C-alpha atoms as a PDB file:
ATOM      1  CA  MET A   1     104.036  10.095 156.661  1.00  0.00           C
ATOM      2  CA  THR A   2     103.061   9.814 152.695  1.00  0.00           C
ATOM      3  CA  ASP A   3     100.167  11.753 151.756  1.00  0.00           C
ATOM      4  CA  ASP A   4      97.983   8.502 151.156  1.00  0.00           C
ATOM      5  CA  GLN A   5      99.332   6.882 153.878  1.00  0.00           C
ATOM      6  CA  GLN A   6      96.093   7.099 155.838  1.00  0.00           C
ATOM      7  CA  LEU A   7      93.967   5.879 153.112  1.00  0.00           C
ATOM      8  CA  ILE A   8      91.746   2.888 154.225  1.00  0.00           C
ATOM      9  CA  GLU A   9      92.468  -0.465 152.478  1.00  0.00           C
ATOM     10  CA  PRO A  10      89.685  -2.728 151.666  1.00  0.00           C
ATOM     11  CA  GLY A  11      88.700  -5.016 154.603  1.00  0.00           C
ATOM     12  CA  ALA A  12      85.358  -6.792 156.039  1.00  0.00           C
ATOM     13  CA  GLU A  13      83.357  -3.609 155.917  1.00  0.00           C
ATOM     14  CA  THR A  14      84.051  -2.599 152.363  1.00  0.00           C
ATOM     15  CA  ALA A  15      83.930  -5.965 151.280  1.00  0.00           C
ATOM     16  CA  ASN A  16      80.227  -6.677 152.381  1.00  0.00           C
ATOM     17  CA  PRO A  17      77.643  -4.171 151.215  1.00  0.00           C
ATOM     18  CA  ASP A  18      75.171  -5.578 153.894  1.00  0.00           C
ATOM     19  CA  SER A  19      77.204  -4.242 156.563  1.00  0.00           C
ATOM     20  CA  ARG A  20      76.816  -0.828 155.137  1.00  0.00           C
ATOM     21  CA  ASN A  21      73.187  -0.977 155.480  1.00  0.00           C
ATOM     22  CA  GLU A  22      73.296  -2.299 158.845  1.00  0.00           C
ATOM     23  CA  ARG A  23      75.588   0.541 159.846  1.00  0.00           C
ATOM     24  CA  ARG A  24      73.239   2.985 158.331  1.00  0.00           C
ATOM     25  CA  GLU A  25      70.192   1.571 159.871  1.00  0.00           C
ATOM     26  CA  PHE A  26      72.051   1.505 163.491  1.00  0.00           C
ATOM     27  CA  PHE A  27      72.924   5.161 162.771  1.00  0.00           C
ATOM     28  CA  LYS A  28      68.992   6.110 162.187  1.00  0.00           C
ATOM     29  CA  ALA A  29      68.243   3.831 165.144  1.00  0.00           C
ATOM     30  CA  ALA A  30      70.499   5.042 167.111  1.00  0.00           C
ATOM     31  CA  LEU A  31      69.392   8.788 166.692  1.00  0.00           C
ATOM     32  CA  GLY A  32      65.552   8.097 167.318  1.00  0.00           C
ATOM     33  CA  ALA A  33      62.681  10.176 167.266  1.00  0.00           C
ATOM     34  CA  ALA A  34      64.359  12.995 168.892  1.00  0.00           C
ATOM     35  CA  ALA A  35      66.327  13.442 165.512  1.00  0.00           C
ATOM     36  CA  VAL A  36      63.328  15.254 164.391  1.00  0.00           C
ATOM     37  CA  THR A  37      62.899  17.681 166.990  1.00  0.00           C
ATOM     38  CA  ALA A  38      64.967  21.056 167.241  1.00  0.00           C
ATOM     39  CA  ALA A  39      67.545  19.463 169.622  1.00  0.00           C
ATOM     40  CA  GLY A  40      67.936  16.539 167.231  1.00  0.00           C
ATOM     41  CA  ALA A  41      68.302  18.800 164.178  1.00  0.00           C
ATOM     42  CA  SER A  42      70.948  20.769 165.975  1.00  0.00           C
ATOM     43  CA  ALA A  43      72.641  17.441 166.519  1.00  0.00           C
ATOM     44  CA  LEU A  44      72.672  16.417 162.902  1.00  0.00           C
ATOM     45  CA  ALA A  45      74.233  20.044 161.949  1.00  0.00           C
ATOM     46  CA  ILE A  46      77.998  19.756 160.376  1.00  0.00           C
ATOM     47  CA  ALA A  47      80.527  19.859 163.072  1.00  0.00           C
ATOM     48  CA  THR A  48      82.727  22.960 162.265  1.00  0.00           C
ATOM     49  CA  SER A  49      85.886  24.076 164.198  1.00  0.00           C
ATOM     50  CA  ALA A  50      85.954  27.158 166.019  1.00  0.00           C
ATOM     51  CA  SER A  51      88.384  28.403 163.392  1.00  0.00           C
ATOM     52  CA  ALA A  52      86.291  27.753 160.550  1.00  0.00           C
ATOM     53  CA  ALA A  53      83.757  30.054 161.637  1.00  0.00           C
ATOM     54  CA  THR A  54      85.981  32.837 161.273  1.00  0.00           C
ATOM     55  CA  ILE A  55      87.185  32.289 157.740  1.00  0.00           C
ATOM     56  CA  ALA A  56      86.169  34.948 155.193  1.00  0.00           C
ATOM     57  CA  ASP A  57      83.340  34.461 152.955  1.00  0.00           C
ATOM     58  CA  ASN A  58      85.634  34.862 149.994  1.00  0.00           C
ATOM     59  CA  ASP A  59      87.935  32.179 151.163  1.00  0.00           C
ATOM     60  CA  ILE A  60      84.880  29.834 151.372  1.00  0.00           C
ATOM     61  CA  PHE A  61      84.055  30.599 147.718  1.00  0.00           C
ATOM     62  CA  VAL A  62      87.489  30.371 146.620  1.00  0.00           C
ATOM     63  CA  PHE A  63      87.534  26.618 148.389  1.00  0.00           C
ATOM     64  CA  LEU A  64      84.391  25.954 146.542  1.00  0.00           C
ATOM     65  CA  CYS A  65      85.689  27.072 143.193  1.00  0.00           C
ATOM     66  CA  GLN A  66      88.699  24.795 143.705  1.00  0.00           C
ATOM     67  CA  LEU A  67      86.356  21.687 144.134  1.00  0.00           C
ATOM     68  CA  ASP A  68      84.171  22.696 141.287  1.00  0.00           C
ATOM     69  CA  TYR A  69      87.099  22.627 139.087  1.00  0.00           C
ATOM     70  CA  LEU A  70      87.814  19.050 139.636  1.00  0.00           C
ATOM     71  CA  ALA A  71      84.055  18.065 138.800  1.00  0.00           C
ATOM     72  CA  GLY A  72      84.220  20.455 135.867  1.00  0.00           C
ATOM     73  CA  GLU A  73      87.577  18.918 134.318  1.00  0.00           C
ATOM     74  CA  TYR A  74      86.332  15.391 134.997  1.00  0.00           C
ATOM     75  CA  PHE A  75      82.940  15.751 133.018  1.00  0.00           C
ATOM     76  CA  SER A  76      84.268  18.078 130.521  1.00  0.00           C
ATOM     77  CA  PHE A  77      86.904  15.553 129.351  1.00  0.00           C
ATOM     78  CA  ALA A  78      84.543  12.879 129.541  1.00  0.00           C
ATOM     79  CA  THR A  79      81.922  14.475 127.564  1.00  0.00           C
ATOM     80  CA  THR A  80      84.119  16.399 124.850  1.00  0.00           C
ATOM     81  CA  GLY A  81      87.679  15.152 125.101  1.00  0.00           C
ATOM     82  CA  THR A  82      89.143  18.393 126.376  1.00  0.00           C
ATOM     83  CA  GLY A  83      89.276  20.261 129.756  1.00  0.00           C
ATOM     84  CA  LEU A  84      87.860  23.471 130.719  1.00  0.00           C
ATOM     85  CA  SER A  85      88.502  26.680 128.900  1.00  0.00           C
ATOM     86  CA  PRO A  86      91.810  28.167 129.935  1.00  0.00           C
ATOM     87  CA  ALA A  87      89.923  31.458 130.544  1.00  0.00           C
ATOM     88  CA  LEU A  88      88.317  29.676 133.168  1.00  0.00           C
ATOM     89  CA  LEU A  89      91.487  28.609 134.991  1.00  0.00           C
ATOM     90  CA  THR A  90      93.594  31.630 135.653  1.00  0.00           C
ATOM     91  CA  GLY A  91      93.528  33.560 138.880  1.00  0.00           C
ATOM     92  CA  GLN A  92      95.937  35.606 140.898  1.00  0.00           C
ATOM     93  CA  THR A  93      99.337  36.246 139.156  1.00  0.00           C
ATOM     94  CA  ALA A  94     100.967  34.700 142.344  1.00  0.00           C
ATOM     95  CA  ASP A  95      99.157  31.325 141.571  1.00  0.00           C
ATOM     96  CA  THR A  96     100.296  28.741 139.260  1.00  0.00           C
ATOM     97  CA  VAL A  97      97.640  27.170 136.933  1.00  0.00           C
ATOM     98  CA  GLY A  98      97.615  23.545 137.555  1.00  0.00           C
ATOM     99  CA  ALA A  99      96.853  21.108 134.858  1.00  0.00           C
ATOM    100  CA  ALA A 100      94.203  17.992 134.961  1.00  0.00           C
ATOM    101  CA  THR A 101      95.864  15.213 133.822  1.00  0.00           C
ATOM    102  CA  GLY A 102      94.951  11.644 132.918  1.00  0.00           C
ATOM    103  CA  ALA A 103      91.514  12.171 131.450  1.00  0.00           C
ATOM    104  CA  ARG A 104      89.966  11.385 128.172  1.00  0.00           C
ATOM    105  CA  ARG A 105      86.485  11.250 126.394  1.00  0.00           C
ATOM    106  CA  VAL A 106      84.147   8.405 127.204  1.00  0.00           C
ATOM    107  CA  THR A 107      82.774   6.379 124.452  1.00  0.00           C
ATOM    108  CA  PHE A 108      79.381   6.565 125.838  1.00  0.00           C
ATOM    109  CA  THR A 109      76.712   3.608 124.879  1.00  0.00           C
ATOM    110  CA  ASP A 110      73.615   4.709 126.742  1.00  0.00           C
ATOM    111  CA  PRO A 111      72.019   7.689 124.926  1.00  0.00           C
ATOM    112  CA  VAL A 112      70.408   8.672 128.425  1.00  0.00           C
ATOM    113  CA  VAL A 113      73.846   8.658 130.253  1.00  0.00           C
ATOM    114  CA  THR A 114      75.281  10.682 127.331  1.00  0.00           C
ATOM    115  CA  GLU A 115      72.741  13.430 127.748  1.00  0.00           C
ATOM    116  CA  TYR A 116      72.818  13.773 131.213  1.00  0.00           C
ATOM    117  CA  ALA A 117      76.498  13.830 131.374  1.00  0.00           C
ATOM    118  CA  ALA A 118      76.161  16.572 128.762  1.00  0.00           C
ATOM    119  CA  GLU A 119      73.868  18.546 130.520  1.00  0.00           C
ATOM    120  CA  ILE A 120      75.755  18.284 133.855  1.00  0.00           C
ATOM    121  CA  THR A 121      78.985  19.439 131.991  1.00  0.00           C
ATOM    122  CA  ARG A 122      77.407  22.597 130.747  1.00  0.00           C
ATOM    123  CA  ASP A 123      75.898  23.155 134.383  1.00  0.00           C
ATOM    124  CA  LEU A 124      79.349  22.865 135.949  1.00  0.00           C
ATOM    125  CA  VAL A 125      80.882  25.333 133.357  1.00  0.00           C
ATOM    126  CA  ALA A 126      78.298  27.662 134.351  1.00  0.00           C
ATOM    127  CA  ASN A 127      79.034  27.262 138.004  1.00  0.00           C
ATOM    128  CA  ILE A 128      82.602  27.972 137.804  1.00  0.00           C
ATOM    129  CA  THR A 129      81.944  31.123 135.714  1.00  0.00           C
ATOM    130  CA  TYR A 130      79.321  32.225 138.208  1.00  0.00           C
ATOM    131  CA  ILE A 131      81.699  31.812 141.413  1.00  0.00           C
ATOM    132  CA  ARG A 132      84.607  33.568 139.432  1.00  0.00           C
ATOM    133  CA  ALA A 133      82.198  36.496 138.683  1.00  0.00           C
ATOM    134  CA  GLN A 134      81.063  36.621 142.405  1.00  0.00           C
ATOM    135  CA  LEU A 135      84.795  36.565 143.547  1.00  0.00           C
ATOM    136  CA  GLY A 136      86.048  39.324 141.157  1.00  0.00           C
ATOM    137  CA  THR A 137      89.343  39.540 139.365  1.00  0.00           C
ATOM    138  CA  ASP A 138      91.002  40.196 142.835  1.00  0.00           C
ATOM    139  CA  GLY A 139      89.499  37.112 144.384  1.00  0.00           C
ATOM    140  CA  VAL A 140      89.659  34.471 141.809  1.00  0.00           C
ATOM    141  CA  ARG A 141      92.383  31.656 142.478  1.00  0.00           C
ATOM    142  CA  SER A 142      93.946  29.461 139.439  1.00  0.00           C
ATOM    143  CA  GLN A 143      92.841  25.895 139.280  1.00  0.00           C
ATOM    144  CA  PRO A 144      95.126  23.609 141.205  1.00  0.00           C
ATOM    145  CA  ALA A 145      96.736  20.336 139.714  1.00  0.00           C
ATOM    146  CA  ILE A 146      94.314  17.865 139.456  1.00  0.00           C
ATOM    147  CA  ASP A 147      94.640  14.017 138.941  1.00  0.00           C
ATOM    148  CA  LEU A 148      91.965  12.226 136.876  1.00  0.00           C
ATOM    149  CA  GLY A 149      94.270   9.500 135.740  1.00  0.00           C
ATOM    150  CA  THR A 150      93.588   5.707 135.543  1.00  0.00           C
ATOM    151  CA  SER A 151      96.803   4.180 137.050  1.00  0.00           C
ATOM    152  CA  ALA A 152      97.006   2.247 140.238  1.00  0.00           C
ATOM    153  CA  THR A 153      98.731   5.376 141.713  1.00  0.00           C
ATOM    154  CA  SER A 154      95.961   7.975 140.455  1.00  0.00           C
ATOM    155  CA  ALA A 155      93.257   9.107 142.873  1.00  0.00           C
ATOM    156  CA  PHE A 156      90.614   6.983 141.266  1.00  0.00           C
ATOM    157  CA  GLY A 157      92.802   3.924 141.533  1.00  0.00           C
ATOM    158  CA  LYS A 158      93.737   4.142 145.028  1.00  0.00           C
ATOM    159  CA  LEU A 159      90.055   4.858 146.071  1.00  0.00           C
ATOM    160  CA  ALA A 160      88.766   1.927 144.106  1.00  0.00           C
ATOM    161  CA  THR A 161      91.601  -0.455 145.190  1.00  0.00           C
ATOM    162  CA  ALA A 162      90.656   0.891 148.988  1.00  0.00           C
ATOM    163  CA  ALA A 163      86.829   0.035 147.898  1.00  0.00           C
ATOM    164  CA  GLY A 164      87.790  -3.154 146.671  1.00  0.00           C
ATOM    165  CA  ILE A 165      86.111  -2.697 143.383  1.00  0.00           C
ATOM    166  CA  ASP A 166      89.171  -3.264 140.954  1.00  0.00           C
ATOM    167  CA  THR A 167      91.237  -6.122 141.697  1.00  0.00           C
ATOM    168  CA  ALA A 168      93.600  -5.166 138.925  1.00  0.00           C
ATOM    169  CA  GLY A 169      94.982  -2.242 140.767  1.00  0.00           C
ATOM    170  CA  ALA A 170      93.653   0.498 138.643  1.00  0.00           C
ATOM    171  CA  PHE A 171      90.315   2.037 137.890  1.00  0.00           C
ATOM    172  CA  ASP A 172      89.280   3.381 134.406  1.00  0.00           C
ATOM    173  CA  PRO A 173      86.507   5.566 134.864  1.00  0.00           C
ATOM    174  CA  TYR A 174      86.670   6.374 131.045  1.00  0.00           C
ATOM    175  CA  ALA A 175      86.010   2.949 129.936  1.00  0.00           C
ATOM    176  CA  SER A 176      82.241   2.498 130.208  1.00  0.00           C
ATOM    177  CA  ASP A 177      79.069   4.353 131.113  1.00  0.00           C
ATOM    178  CA  GLY A 178      79.129   2.446 134.245  1.00  0.00           C
ATOM    179  CA  ASN A 179      82.570   3.046 135.323  1.00  0.00           C
ATOM    180  CA  PHE A 180      81.995   6.833 134.445  1.00  0.00           C
ATOM    181  CA  LEU A 181      79.240   7.112 136.736  1.00  0.00           C
ATOM    182  CA  LEU A 182      81.227   5.521 139.438  1.00  0.00           C
ATOM    183  CA  GLY A 183      83.846   8.035 138.863  1.00  0.00           C
ATOM    184  CA  ALA A 184      81.180  10.805 139.113  1.00  0.00           C
ATOM    185  CA  PHE A 185      79.825   9.399 142.205  1.00  0.00           C
ATOM    186  CA  MET A 186      83.304   9.544 143.772  1.00  0.00           C
ATOM    187  CA  ILE A 187      83.053  13.138 143.176  1.00  0.00           C
ATOM    188  CA  GLU A 188      79.701  14.615 143.130  1.00  0.00           C
ATOM    189  CA  ASP A 189      78.319  13.280 146.236  1.00  0.00           C
ATOM    190  CA  VAL A 190      81.319  15.020 148.477  1.00  0.00           C
ATOM    191  CA  LEU A 191      80.708  18.225 146.594  1.00  0.00           C
ATOM    192  CA  VAL A 192      77.010  18.293 147.827  1.00  0.00           C
ATOM    193  CA  THR A 193      78.460  17.944 151.552  1.00  0.00           C
ATOM    194  CA  ALA A 194      80.941  20.773 150.797  1.00  0.00           C
ATOM    195  CA  TYR A 195      78.259  23.190 149.838  1.00  0.00           C
ATOM    196  CA  ILE A 196      75.959  22.240 152.839  1.00  0.00           C
ATOM    197  CA  GLY A 197      79.063  23.095 154.962  1.00  0.00           C
ATOM    198  CA  ALA A 198      79.641  25.943 153.377  1.00  0.00           C
ATOM    199  CA  ILE A 199      76.322  27.704 153.711  1.00  0.00           C
ATOM    200  CA  THR A 200      76.368  27.370 157.560  1.00  0.00           C
ATOM    201  CA  VAL A 201      79.605  29.559 157.814  1.00  0.00           C
ATOM    202  CA  ILE A 202      78.922  32.292 154.836  1.00  0.00           C
ATOM    203  CA  SER A 203      77.487  35.535 156.135  1.00  0.00           C
ATOM    204  CA  ASP A 204      77.131  37.843 153.352  1.00  0.00           C
ATOM    205  CA  LYS A 205      73.630  37.127 152.048  1.00  0.00           C
ATOM    206  CA  THR A 206      74.542  37.633 148.332  1.00  0.00           C
ATOM    207  CA  LEU A 207      77.186  35.034 148.496  1.00  0.00           C
ATOM    208  CA  LEU A 208      74.830  32.636 150.672  1.00  0.00           C
ATOM    209  CA  ALA A 209      72.179  32.997 147.852  1.00  0.00           C
ATOM    210  CA  ALA A 210      74.801  31.997 145.110  1.00  0.00           C
ATOM    211  CA  ALA A 211      75.981  29.075 147.214  1.00  0.00           C
ATOM    212  CA  SER A 212      72.674  27.791 147.963  1.00  0.00           C
ATOM    213  CA  GLY A 213      71.604  27.980 144.417  1.00  0.00           C
ATOM    214  CA  ILE A 214      74.533  26.071 143.289  1.00  0.00           C
ATOM    215  CA  LEU A 215      74.137  23.522 146.040  1.00  0.00           C
ATOM    216  CA  ALA A 216      70.817  22.726 144.626  1.00  0.00           C
ATOM    217  CA  THR A 217      72.366  22.107 141.204  1.00  0.00           C
ATOM    218  CA  HIS A 218      74.849  19.794 142.681  1.00  0.00           C
ATOM    219  CA  ALA A 219      72.289  18.144 144.733  1.00  0.00           C
ATOM    220  CA  HIS A 220      70.204  17.413 141.412  1.00  0.00           C
ATOM    221  CA  HIS A 221      73.772  16.030 139.761  1.00  0.00           C
ATOM    222  CA  ALA A 222      74.295  13.673 142.561  1.00  0.00           C
ATOM    223  CA  ALA A 223      70.816  12.623 142.735  1.00  0.00           C
ATOM    224  CA  VAL A 224      70.803  11.694 138.689  1.00  0.00           C
ATOM    225  CA  ILE A 225      74.084   9.953 139.357  1.00  0.00           C
ATOM    226  CA  ARG A 226      72.894   8.035 142.189  1.00  0.00           C
ATOM    227  CA  ALA A 227      69.683   7.018 140.399  1.00  0.00           C
ATOM    228  CA  LEU A 228      71.407   6.140 137.244  1.00  0.00           C
ATOM    229  CA  LEU A 229      73.761   3.841 139.094  1.00  0.00           C
ATOM    230  CA  TYR A 230      70.856   2.270 140.968  1.00  0.00           C
ATOM    231  CA  ALA A 231      68.803   1.496 138.002  1.00  0.00           C
ATOM    232  CA  LYS A 232      71.574   0.012 135.855  1.00  0.00           C
ATOM    233  CA  GLY A 233      72.436  -1.784 138.942  1.00  0.00           C
ATOM    234  CA  ALA A 234      69.094  -3.818 138.690  1.00  0.00           C
ATOM    235  CA  THR A 235      71.054  -5.637 135.789  1.00  0.00           C
ATOM    236  CA  THR A 236      74.432  -5.025 136.790  1.00  0.00           C
ATOM    237  CA  PRO A 237      74.340  -5.515 140.467  1.00  0.00           C
ATOM    238  CA  SER A 238      78.181  -4.689 140.693  1.00  0.00           C
ATOM    239  CA  LEU A 239      77.320  -0.912 140.171  1.00  0.00           C
ATOM    240  CA  ARG A 240      75.350  -0.832 143.475  1.00  0.00           C
ATOM    241  CA  THR A 241      77.750  -2.527 145.602  1.00  0.00           C
ATOM    242  CA  SER A 242      80.670  -0.913 143.991  1.00  0.00           C
ATOM    243  CA  ALA A 243      78.994   2.409 145.241  1.00  0.00           C
ATOM    244  CA  ASP A 244      78.165   1.085 148.448  1.00  0.00           C
ATOM    245  CA  LYS A 245      81.921   0.080 148.935  1.00  0.00           C
ATOM    246  CA  ILE A 246      83.128   3.822 147.744  1.00  0.00           C
ATOM    247  CA  SER A 247      80.672   5.012 150.286  1.00  0.00           C
ATOM    248  CA  ASN A 248      82.234   3.015 152.885  1.00  0.00           C
ATOM    249  CA  VAL A 249      85.780   4.220 152.192  1.00  0.00           C
ATOM    250  CA  ARG A 250      84.364   7.896 152.340  1.00  0.00           C
ATOM    251  CA  ASP A 251      83.302   7.077 155.876  1.00  0.00           C
ATOM    252  CA  ASN A 252      86.298   5.499 157.091  1.00  0.00           C
ATOM    253  CA  LEU A 253      88.295   8.915 155.810  1.00  0.00           C
ATOM    254  CA  ASP A 254      86.367  11.799 157.383  1.00  0.00           C
ATOM    255  CA  GLY A 255      85.943  10.249 161.180  1.00  0.00           C
ATOM    256  CA  THR A 256      83.662   8.003 163.020  1.00  0.00           C
ATOM    257  CA  THR A 257      80.408   9.445 162.144  1.00  0.00           C
ATOM    258  CA  ASP A 258      78.410   7.660 159.552  1.00  0.00           C
ATOM    259  CA  LEU A 259      77.835  10.711 157.135  1.00  0.00           C
ATOM    260  CA  ASP A 260      77.990   8.868 153.723  1.00  0.00           C
ATOM    261  CA  GLN A 261      75.595   6.428 152.270  1.00  0.00           C
ATOM    262  CA  GLY A 262      75.690   3.939 149.450  1.00  0.00           C
ATOM    263  CA  ILE A 263      72.745   3.228 146.865  1.00  0.00           C
ATOM    264  CA  SER A 264      71.621  -0.184 147.536  1.00  0.00           C
ATOM    265  CA  PRO A 265      68.201  -0.984 148.657  1.00  0.00           C
ATOM    266  CA  THR A 266      67.083  -1.653 152.157  1.00  0.00           C
ATOM    267  CA  THR A 267      63.912  -3.074 153.813  1.00  0.00           C
ATOM    268  CA  VAL A 268      61.953  -0.824 155.699  1.00  0.00           C
ATOM    269  CA  SER A 269      58.493  -2.010 157.538  1.00  0.00           C
ATOM    270  CA  GLY A 270      58.764  -4.911 155.213  1.00  0.00           C
ATOM    271  CA  ASN A 271      59.109  -2.716 151.997  1.00  0.00           C
ATOM    272  CA  LEU A 272      62.282  -2.706 149.839  1.00  0.00           C
ATOM    273  CA  VAL A 273      63.414   1.005 149.583  1.00  0.00           C
ATOM    274  CA  SER A 274      66.104   2.612 147.200  1.00  0.00           C
ATOM    275  CA  ASN A 275      68.517   4.822 148.696  1.00  0.00           C
ATOM    276  CA  VAL A 276      69.120   7.524 145.971  1.00  0.00           C
ATOM    277  CA  VAL A 277      68.705  10.168 148.518  1.00  0.00           C
ATOM    278  CA  PRO A 278      71.339   9.801 151.159  1.00  0.00           C
ATOM    279  CA  ALA A 279      69.132  11.552 153.904  1.00  0.00           C
ATOM    280  CA  ALA A 280      69.398  11.565 157.695  1.00  0.00           C
ATOM    281  CA  PRO A 281      66.267  10.462 159.836  1.00  0.00           C
ATOM    282  CA  ASN A 282      64.918  13.973 159.703  1.00  0.00           C
ATOM    283  CA  GLY A 283      65.106  13.953 155.724  1.00  0.00           C
ATOM    284  CA  SER A 284      68.296  16.233 155.328  1.00  0.00           C
ATOM    285  CA  ILE A 285      71.545  15.521 153.654  1.00  0.00           C
ATOM    286  CA  LEU A 286      74.334  16.059 156.163  1.00  0.00           C
ATOM    287  CA  GLY A 287      77.035  18.224 155.263  1.00  0.00           C
ATOM    288  CA  ARG A 288      81.005  18.109 155.762  1.00  0.00           C
ATOM    289  CA  SER A 289      83.499  20.690 157.316  1.00  0.00           C
ATOM    290  CA  THR A 290      86.106  22.120 155.032  1.00  0.00           C
ATOM    291  CA  GLY A 291      88.856  19.652 156.768  1.00  0.00           C
ATOM    292  CA  ASN A 292      86.460  16.544 156.292  1.00  0.00           C
ATOM    293  CA  VAL A 293      85.935  17.327 152.598  1.00  0.00           C
ATOM    294  CA  LEU A 294      89.621  17.503 152.097  1.00  0.00           C
ATOM    295  CA  ASN A 295      89.697  14.176 153.793  1.00  0.00           C
ATOM    296  CA  GLU A 296      87.799  12.825 150.939  1.00  0.00           C
ATOM    297  CA  TYR A 297      89.525  14.341 147.930  1.00  0.00           C
ATOM    298  CA  TYR A 298      92.950  13.940 149.319  1.00  0.00           C
ATOM    299  CA  LEU A 299      92.118  10.432 150.312  1.00  0.00           C
ATOM    300  CA  ASN A 300      93.520  10.905 153.701  1.00  0.00           C
ATOM    301  CA  SER A 301      92.309  10.607 157.149  1.00  0.00           C
ATOM    302  CA  ALA A 302      95.135  12.729 158.581  1.00  0.00           C
ATOM    303  CA  SER A 303      95.691  16.298 158.706  1.00  0.00           C
ATOM    304  CA  VAL A 304      97.632  16.944 155.353  1.00  0.00           C
ATOM    305  CA  SER A 305      97.657  19.765 152.690  1.00  0.00           C
ATOM    306  CA  LEU A 306      97.740  17.779 149.425  1.00  0.00           C
ATOM    307  CA  GLY A 307      97.226  14.360 147.782  1.00  0.00           C
ATOM    308  CA  GLY A 308      94.740  12.020 146.235  1.00  0.00           C
ATOM    309  CA  PHE A 309      92.719  14.270 143.442  1.00  0.00           C
ATOM    310  CA  PHE A 310      94.633  17.493 144.163  1.00  0.00           C
ATOM    311  CA  THR A 311      98.333  16.499 144.006  1.00  0.00           C
ATOM    312  CA  ALA A 312      99.953  19.967 144.946  1.00  0.00           C
ATOM    313  CA  GLY A 313      96.812  20.668 147.122  1.00  0.00           C
ATOM    314  CA  LEU A 314      94.574  23.797 146.698  1.00  0.00           C
ATOM    315  CA  ASN A 315      95.023  27.375 146.001  1.00  0.00           C
ATOM    316  CA  GLY A 316      93.575  29.618 148.813  1.00  0.00           C
ATOM    317  CA  THR A 317      93.513  29.752 152.330  1.00  0.00           C
ATOM    318  CA  ILE A 318      91.758  26.598 152.741  1.00  0.00           C
ATOM    319  CA  LYS A 319      94.048  23.852 152.290  1.00  0.00           C
ATOM    320  CA  ALA A 320      94.381  21.232 155.143  1.00  0.00           C
ATOM    321  CA  SER A 321      92.134  18.080 155.801  1.00  0.00           C
ATOM    322  CA  THR A 322      91.454  17.153 159.259  1.00  0.00           C
ATOM    323  CA  ALA A 323      93.014  14.529 161.527  1.00  0.00           C
ATOM    324  CA  ASN A 324      90.551  11.833 162.154  1.00  0.00           C
END
């Protein structure tokens, strides 16, 4: 089995954004009023395996740092033309520092997108610096190899093809403001769910506070990206439908539970409502286990240890995705 064998191919569900909205509404209706009760809230909690609960706090932090390298490199290249500082990439001597390949600077045309992207880049660099400081020199692991390319066989290309948003078989997130936002949507939304999952298993209060603070930062980033795509989608509808299709692929990768949401509006009580915040019926954002997070970034619904954006896997103890 190849590492991307389980990547869901485009089909009727990903081709029709309305079906995504219908599935989301069914999910909400199925949960019903009980979802806001204490019992309902526990049912919405992230599913974690028994082994996940015993993972050391430092291992969780290493895992989050590995993921932040992906977002940091993407935004850094897109806004400055260069990747993260080499001083932020090294770790334990046993690690090999992986390169982030295939990225380039975006020629932004919208000053609002330019300014937001620059701010998010600054925040991501600060997040990585902070996490590395929390881990200390003995706990830091090097950046893994990261694929940020634009070919049909790149992570972006495979995800875009599976979503049916690029008929040419490739996707270039550096070609325009809209494409950049879709690339950011592919990465940041999943990061938020990774941090939500992490804070359910971190026991050290200092590390929990650090992870919670960074979670809030990522949530702001994801909301900005979703809001920009939604706003620009008013005049370029394909941005909304493309985000919906990416969301559908993500839902197929991480199992049968409907955890992901696109951005297209729905009608609620006769009123058109946006979907900038992908909230569950109780108003909270759902999280993912470490294995399900890696299903998304490896672009694989099977249990594997590399693929997608991380061509050689992650450095650290947490490496495997979940079999779905």
